[in-house]
């Protein structure tokens, strides 16, 4: 059983719940094209994907955690599947957009995932991802940011996305509502959008 399976029941409540998901979805939606399928990689409990649906997007979610998918299936009936982000179960050039929220920082190397994202995106399609998750959290604690090499660092993302034909097209931020405690403030998360060339 994975960590995500064990924590699926309380995952949303410990990470800002609906207010944080709504803030994320509003920012992400501003970078998405209208119409077409949006694939939410590592959809987790589907809380952000459900908010994107509320905003008018057609969203499907994939995740490897059965525990998370049970929650996502309630939020996105008939629109979730168990799948690895390195083997996305979509046809080549079939998605208008792919979203990866709070996911790439978990990877040692995002290249296999980015290759799959580029494969499933239609020409002109958009890949939207959060960036610098750990750095944003550290800044909200008042801690210094190291020069680590997480796969979600903006400079690495720009380089690695360009290598698979995804060019930086836009960016925004949102406040990770519900994370403030004591001296810790709510983090501000960068969101980057890359267009399939």
Protein backbone atom coordinates (compact mmCIF):
# COMPACT_ATOMS: atom_id res chain seq x y z
CA UNK A 1 0.00 0.00 0.00
CA UNK A 2 1.40 3.38 -0.98
CA UNK A 3 1.58 6.43 1.26
CA UNK A 4 -1.09 8.04 -0.90
CA UNK A 5 -3.41 5.05 -0.41
CA UNK A 6 -3.01 5.31 3.38
CA UNK A 7 -3.65 9.07 3.47
CA UNK A 8 -6.38 9.32 0.84
CA UNK A 9 -9.20 9.72 3.39
CA UNK A 10 -7.69 12.79 5.06
CA UNK A 11 -5.56 14.08 2.18
CA UNK A 12 -7.75 17.03 1.17
CA UNK A 13 -8.49 18.16 4.72
CA UNK A 14 -4.77 18.35 5.54
CA UNK A 15 -3.91 20.32 2.40
CA UNK A 16 -6.33 23.22 2.25
CA UNK A 17 -9.41 21.35 1.01
CA UNK A 18 -11.88 22.99 -1.34
CA UNK A 19 -10.56 26.56 -0.94
CA UNK A 20 -7.06 25.59 -2.08
CA UNK A 21 -8.46 23.41 -4.89
CA UNK A 22 -10.66 26.27 -6.06
CA UNK A 23 -7.74 28.72 -6.08
CA UNK A 24 -5.63 26.23 -8.04
CA UNK A 25 -8.40 25.54 -10.55
CA UNK A 26 -9.07 29.24 -11.17
CA UNK A 27 -5.39 29.83 -11.97
CA UNK A 28 -5.09 26.70 -14.11
CA UNK A 29 -8.32 27.45 -15.98
CA UNK A 30 -6.99 30.86 -17.01
CA UNK A 31 -4.22 29.05 -18.93
CA UNK A 32 -6.34 26.31 -20.55
CA UNK A 33 -7.92 26.38 -24.00
CA UNK A 34 -11.70 26.26 -24.21
CA UNK A 35 -13.07 22.95 -25.45
CA UNK A 36 -11.43 19.56 -25.82
CA UNK A 37 -10.31 17.06 -23.24
CA UNK A 38 -8.18 18.07 -20.26
CA UNK A 39 -6.16 15.21 -18.76
CA UNK A 40 -5.31 15.62 -15.08
CA UNK A 41 -2.15 13.59 -14.35
CA UNK A 42 -1.82 12.28 -10.80
CA UNK A 43 -5.35 13.51 -10.16
CA UNK A 44 -5.25 12.32 -6.56
CA UNK A 45 -8.67 12.72 -4.96
CA UNK A 46 -9.88 14.61 -8.03
CA UNK A 47 -10.57 17.74 -6.01
CA UNK A 48 -8.84 20.12 -8.45
CA UNK A 49 -10.19 18.25 -11.49
CA UNK A 50 -13.73 18.58 -10.13
CA UNK A 51 -13.20 22.34 -9.73
CA UNK A 52 -11.96 22.51 -13.33
CA UNK A 53 -15.15 20.73 -14.40
CA UNK A 54 -17.19 23.25 -12.44
CA UNK A 55 -15.44 25.93 -14.50
CA UNK A 56 -16.62 24.29 -17.73
CA UNK A 57 -13.71 22.02 -18.73
CA UNK A 58 -14.10 18.40 -19.83
CA UNK A 59 -11.68 16.64 -17.47
CA UNK A 60 -10.47 13.05 -17.10
CA UNK A 61 -8.08 12.02 -14.35
CA UNK A 62 -5.45 9.32 -13.99
CA UNK A 63 -3.50 8.21 -10.93
CA UNK A 64 -1.64 5.12 -9.70
CA UNK A 65 -3.10 5.22 -6.17
CA UNK A 66 -6.23 3.12 -5.77
CA UNK A 67 -7.04 4.94 -2.53
CA UNK A 68 -6.93 8.33 -4.21
CA UNK A 69 -8.88 7.08 -7.23
CA UNK A 70 -11.76 5.92 -5.03
CA UNK A 71 -12.25 9.55 -3.98
CA UNK A 72 -11.68 10.86 -7.50
CA UNK A 73 -14.27 8.45 -8.91
CA UNK A 74 -16.90 10.03 -6.64
CA UNK A 75 -16.00 13.50 -7.92
CA UNK A 76 -15.53 12.53 -11.58
CA UNK A 77 -17.90 9.60 -12.19
CA UNK A 78 -16.83 7.56 -15.21
CA UNK A 79 -13.86 9.82 -15.91
CA UNK A 80 -10.95 8.36 -13.93
CA UNK A 81 -8.54 5.52 -14.62
CA UNK A 82 -5.64 3.84 -12.92
CA UNK A 83 -2.63 4.68 -15.05
CA UNK A 84 1.01 5.65 -14.76
CA UNK A 85 1.97 9.10 -16.04
CA UNK A 86 4.77 7.44 -18.02
CA UNK A 87 2.21 5.37 -19.98
CA UNK A 88 -0.81 7.61 -20.49
CA UNK A 89 -3.79 5.66 -21.88
CA UNK A 90 -4.71 8.21 -24.55
CA UNK A 91 -4.15 8.24 -28.29
CA UNK A 92 -1.35 10.35 -29.72
CA UNK A 93 -2.33 14.00 -30.29
CA UNK A 94 -5.75 13.49 -28.66
CA UNK A 95 -5.74 15.89 -25.67
CA UNK A 96 -6.34 19.62 -25.82
CA UNK A 97 -4.56 20.01 -22.49
CA UNK A 98 -2.67 18.09 -19.82
CA UNK A 99 -2.50 19.31 -16.23
CA UNK A 100 0.02 18.23 -13.58
CA UNK A 101 -0.61 19.87 -10.23
CA UNK A 102 1.73 19.19 -7.28
CA UNK A 103 3.18 16.20 -9.13
CA UNK A 104 6.49 16.85 -10.90
CA UNK A 105 8.31 17.72 -7.66
CA UNK A 106 7.85 14.06 -6.64
CA UNK A 107 9.92 12.82 -9.58
CA UNK A 108 13.67 12.41 -9.81
CA UNK A 109 13.47 12.82 -13.57
CA UNK A 110 10.39 14.27 -15.30
CA UNK A 111 11.61 13.43 -18.82
CA UNK A 112 9.58 10.20 -19.28
CA UNK A 113 6.42 12.01 -18.15
CA UNK A 114 7.12 15.03 -20.35
CA UNK A 115 7.65 12.71 -23.34
CA UNK A 116 4.21 11.20 -22.72
CA UNK A 117 2.63 14.63 -22.26
CA UNK A 118 4.08 15.77 -25.59
CA UNK A 119 2.84 12.58 -27.25
CA UNK A 120 -0.80 12.90 -26.14
CA UNK A 121 -1.12 16.66 -26.69
CA UNK A 122 -2.69 17.78 -29.93
CA UNK A 123 -0.74 20.37 -31.95
CA UNK A 124 -1.25 23.69 -30.18
CA UNK A 125 -2.30 21.84 -27.02
CA UNK A 126 -1.27 23.12 -23.61
CA UNK A 127 0.58 21.51 -20.70
CA UNK A 128 -0.10 23.30 -17.40
CA UNK A 129 1.92 22.46 -14.30
CA UNK A 130 2.74 23.83 -10.91
CA UNK A 131 6.40 24.66 -10.39
CA UNK A 132 8.72 25.07 -7.42
CA UNK A 133 6.35 23.41 -4.93
CA UNK A 134 8.99 22.77 -2.26
CA UNK A 135 10.56 26.20 -2.74
CA UNK A 136 7.15 27.89 -2.40
CA UNK A 137 6.52 25.99 0.82
CA UNK A 138 9.96 26.85 2.23
CA UNK A 139 9.44 30.53 1.44
CA UNK A 140 6.09 30.48 3.24
CA UNK A 141 7.89 29.20 6.36
CA UNK A 142 10.43 32.01 6.11
CA UNK A 143 13.17 29.48 5.32
CA UNK A 144 15.81 29.94 2.66
CA UNK A 145 15.40 28.20 -0.67
CA UNK A 146 18.20 25.86 -1.63
CA UNK A 147 19.52 25.38 -5.14
CA UNK A 148 18.13 21.85 -5.42
CA UNK A 149 17.36 20.18 -8.69
CA UNK A 150 13.73 19.13 -8.22
CA UNK A 151 12.10 18.22 -11.51
CA UNK A 152 9.62 21.08 -11.09
CA UNK A 153 12.18 23.90 -10.99
CA UNK A 154 11.16 26.46 -13.66
CA UNK A 155 14.54 26.55 -15.41
CA UNK A 156 14.62 22.75 -15.61
CA UNK A 157 11.02 22.62 -16.80
CA UNK A 158 11.66 25.15 -19.56
CA UNK A 159 14.71 23.19 -20.72
CA UNK A 160 13.13 19.74 -20.45
CA UNK A 161 9.84 20.80 -22.03
CA UNK A 162 11.63 22.47 -24.94
CA UNK A 163 13.50 19.21 -25.56
CA UNK A 164 10.15 17.46 -26.23
CA UNK A 165 8.57 20.26 -28.27
CA UNK A 166 6.75 22.17 -25.53
CA UNK A 167 7.44 25.90 -25.42
CA UNK A 168 6.74 28.17 -22.45
CA UNK A 169 3.66 30.21 -23.35
CA UNK A 170 2.28 31.74 -20.14
CA UNK A 171 2.51 31.76 -16.37
CA UNK A 172 0.49 32.72 -13.33
CA UNK A 173 0.38 32.06 -9.58
CA UNK A 174 -2.17 31.20 -6.92
CA UNK A 175 -2.19 31.23 -3.14
CA UNK A 176 -2.23 27.79 -1.53
CA UNK A 177 -5.10 28.70 0.78
CA UNK A 178 -5.33 26.86 4.09
CA UNK A 179 -1.65 26.19 4.69
CA UNK A 180 -0.91 29.08 7.05
CA UNK A 181 -0.13 28.14 10.65
CA UNK A 182 1.56 30.29 13.27
CA UNK A 183 4.32 32.25 11.54
CA UNK A 184 3.92 30.23 8.35
CA UNK A 185 2.02 32.00 5.57
CA UNK A 186 0.03 30.44 2.77
CA UNK A 187 2.49 29.57 -0.03
CA UNK A 188 2.26 31.17 -3.45
CA UNK A 189 2.58 28.53 -6.17
CA UNK A 190 3.86 29.33 -9.66
CA UNK A 191 1.94 27.77 -12.56
CA UNK A 192 3.53 27.43 -16.00
CA UNK A 193 1.83 26.72 -19.34
CA UNK A 194 3.69 25.15 -22.24
CA UNK A 195 2.31 24.94 -25.77
CA UNK A 196 2.83 21.95 -28.09
CA UNK A 197 4.66 23.19 -31.18
